[in-house]
C-alpha atoms as a PDB file:
ATOM      1  CA  MET A   1      83.097 139.318  69.615  1.00  0.00           C
ATOM      2  CA  ASN A   2      84.600 142.568  70.680  1.00  0.00           C
ATOM      3  CA  ARG A   3      87.597 142.914  68.340  1.00  0.00           C
ATOM      4  CA  LYS A   4      90.130 141.195  66.124  1.00  0.00           C
ATOM      5  CA  LEU A   5      91.962 138.131  67.359  1.00  0.00           C
ATOM      6  CA  ARG A   6      95.241 139.085  69.069  1.00  0.00           C
ATOM      7  CA  ARG A   7      97.518 137.359  71.558  1.00  0.00           C
ATOM      8  CA  SER A   8      96.972 138.841  74.991  1.00  0.00           C
ATOM      9  CA  ASN A   9      99.752 140.809  76.663  1.00  0.00           C
ATOM     10  CA  THR A  10      97.966 140.990  80.006  1.00  0.00           C
ATOM     11  CA  ASP A  11      96.370 137.546  80.401  1.00  0.00           C
ATOM     12  CA  LYS A  12      98.993 135.079  79.260  1.00  0.00           C
ATOM     13  CA  VAL A  13     100.640 131.987  80.630  1.00  0.00           C
ATOM     14  CA  ILE A  14     102.957 131.063  77.747  1.00  0.00           C
ATOM     15  CA  THR A  15     102.425 133.303  74.718  1.00  0.00           C
ATOM     16  CA  GLY A  16      98.886 134.645  75.265  1.00  0.00           C
ATOM     17  CA  VAL A  17      97.036 132.586  72.646  1.00  0.00           C
ATOM     18  CA  CYS A  18      94.332 131.250  74.979  1.00  0.00           C
ATOM     19  CA  GLY A  19      94.062 134.641  76.713  1.00  0.00           C
ATOM     20  CA  GLY A  20      93.580 136.346  73.354  1.00  0.00           C
ATOM     21  CA  ILE A  21      90.944 133.828  72.271  1.00  0.00           C
ATOM     22  CA  GLY A  22      89.127 134.324  75.566  1.00  0.00           C
ATOM     23  CA  GLU A  23      89.230 138.127  75.292  1.00  0.00           C
ATOM     24  CA  THR A  24      88.077 138.078  71.669  1.00  0.00           C
ATOM     25  CA  PHE A  25      85.072 135.812  72.283  1.00  0.00           C
ATOM     26  CA  ASP A  26      84.272 137.158  75.790  1.00  0.00           C
ATOM     27  CA  ILE A  27      85.055 133.807  77.436  1.00  0.00           C
ATOM     28  CA  ASP A  28      87.107 133.309  80.585  1.00  0.00           C
ATOM     29  CA  PRO A  29      90.631 132.417  79.351  1.00  0.00           C
ATOM     30  CA  ALA A  30      90.840 129.702  82.038  1.00  0.00           C
ATOM     31  CA  ILE A  31      87.977 127.887  80.303  1.00  0.00           C
ATOM     32  CA  VAL A  32      89.759 128.175  76.954  1.00  0.00           C
ATOM     33  CA  ARG A  33      92.916 126.746  78.557  1.00  0.00           C
ATOM     34  CA  LEU A  34      90.989 123.845  80.121  1.00  0.00           C
ATOM     35  CA  ILE A  35      89.325 122.986  76.808  1.00  0.00           C
ATOM     36  CA  TRP A  36      92.668 123.199  75.011  1.00  0.00           C
ATOM     37  CA  ALA A  37      94.327 120.925  77.608  1.00  0.00           C
ATOM     38  CA  ALA A  38      91.472 118.411  77.464  1.00  0.00           C
ATOM     39  CA  LEU A  39      91.715 118.246  73.678  1.00  0.00           C
ATOM     40  CA  CYS A  40      95.485 117.739  73.918  1.00  0.00           C
ATOM     41  CA  LEU A  41      94.999 114.838  76.331  1.00  0.00           C
ATOM     42  CA  MET A  42      92.445 113.198  74.023  1.00  0.00           C
ATOM     43  CA  GLY A  43      94.911 112.985  71.146  1.00  0.00           C
ATOM     44  CA  PHE A  44      94.242 116.368  69.585  1.00  0.00           C
ATOM     45  CA  SER A  45      97.445 117.902  68.213  1.00  0.00           C
ATOM     46  CA  GLY A  46      96.943 121.030  70.301  1.00  0.00           C
ATOM     47  CA  VAL A  47     100.615 121.561  71.063  1.00  0.00           C
ATOM     48  CA  VAL A  48     101.450 121.891  67.363  1.00  0.00           C
ATOM     49  CA  LEU A  49      98.435 124.131  66.767  1.00  0.00           C
ATOM     50  CA  TYR A  50      99.360 126.284  69.786  1.00  0.00           C
ATOM     51  CA  ILE A  51     102.848 126.845  68.380  1.00  0.00           C
ATOM     52  CA  ILE A  52     101.407 127.698  64.955  1.00  0.00           C
ATOM     53  CA  ALA A  53      98.843 130.040  66.548  1.00  0.00           C
ATOM     54  CA  SER A  54     101.509 131.820  68.577  1.00  0.00           C
ATOM     55  CA  VAL A  55     103.424 132.511  65.369  1.00  0.00           C
ATOM     56  CA  ILE A  56     100.424 133.496  63.219  1.00  0.00           C
ATOM     57  CA  ILE A  57      98.303 135.512  65.686  1.00  0.00           C
ATOM     58  CA  PRO A  58      99.809 138.968  66.285  1.00  0.00           C
ATOM     59  CA  ALA A  59     100.243 140.261  69.815  1.00  0.00           C
ATOM     60  CA  GLU A  60      98.472 143.332  71.140  1.00  0.00           C
ATOM     61  CA  GLY A  61     100.531 146.354  70.217  1.00  0.00           C
ATOM     62  CA  ASP A  62     102.012 144.792  67.078  1.00  0.00           C
ATOM     63  CA  VAL A  63     101.812 146.959  63.971  1.00  0.00           C
ATOM     64  CA  ILE A  64     100.183 145.301  60.967  1.00  0.00           C
ATOM     65  CA  GLY A  65     100.230 147.488  57.887  1.00  0.00           C
ATOM     66  CA  GLU A  66      99.131 150.873  59.150  1.00  0.00           C
ATOM     67  CA  GLU A  67      96.987 149.535  61.984  1.00  0.00           C
ATOM     68  CA  GLU A  68      98.355 149.449  65.525  1.00  0.00           C
ATOM     69  CA  VAL A  69      96.508 147.852  68.399  1.00  0.00           C
ATOM     70  CA  VAL A  70      97.353 149.050  71.888  1.00  0.00           C
ATOM     71  CA  ASP A  71      95.453 147.711  74.903  1.00  0.00           C
ATOM     72  CA  GLY A  72      92.748 146.286  72.635  1.00  0.00           C
ATOM     73  CA  GLN A  73      91.854 149.551  70.936  1.00  0.00           C
ATOM     74  CA  ASP A  74      92.542 150.529  67.355  1.00  0.00           C
ATOM     75  CA  ASP A  75      94.947 153.456  67.144  1.00  0.00           C
ATOM     76  CA  THR A  76      93.917 154.418  63.615  1.00  0.00           C
ATOM     77  CA  GLN A  77      91.708 157.443  63.056  1.00  0.00           C
ATOM     78  CA  ASP A  78      89.609 158.450  60.069  1.00  0.00           C
ATOM     79  CA  TYR A  79      90.211 162.003  58.939  1.00  0.00           C
END
């Protein structure tokens, strides 16, 4: 894992959830999308979970508390 889970701004199809998961776990986002689609077709409630994930997972660049993430890098500095 290279960082905290964020929705991707650069590799997104709908809201960037699968792109963010792929970037976080160093997996090709296309593979994450294929797995998600396969689970949806097998009766998995992936559509509902995708909507919940897109609301809960912050996007890159969103400010949470005092931490801001821009282009996958923390903008906070220790002084």
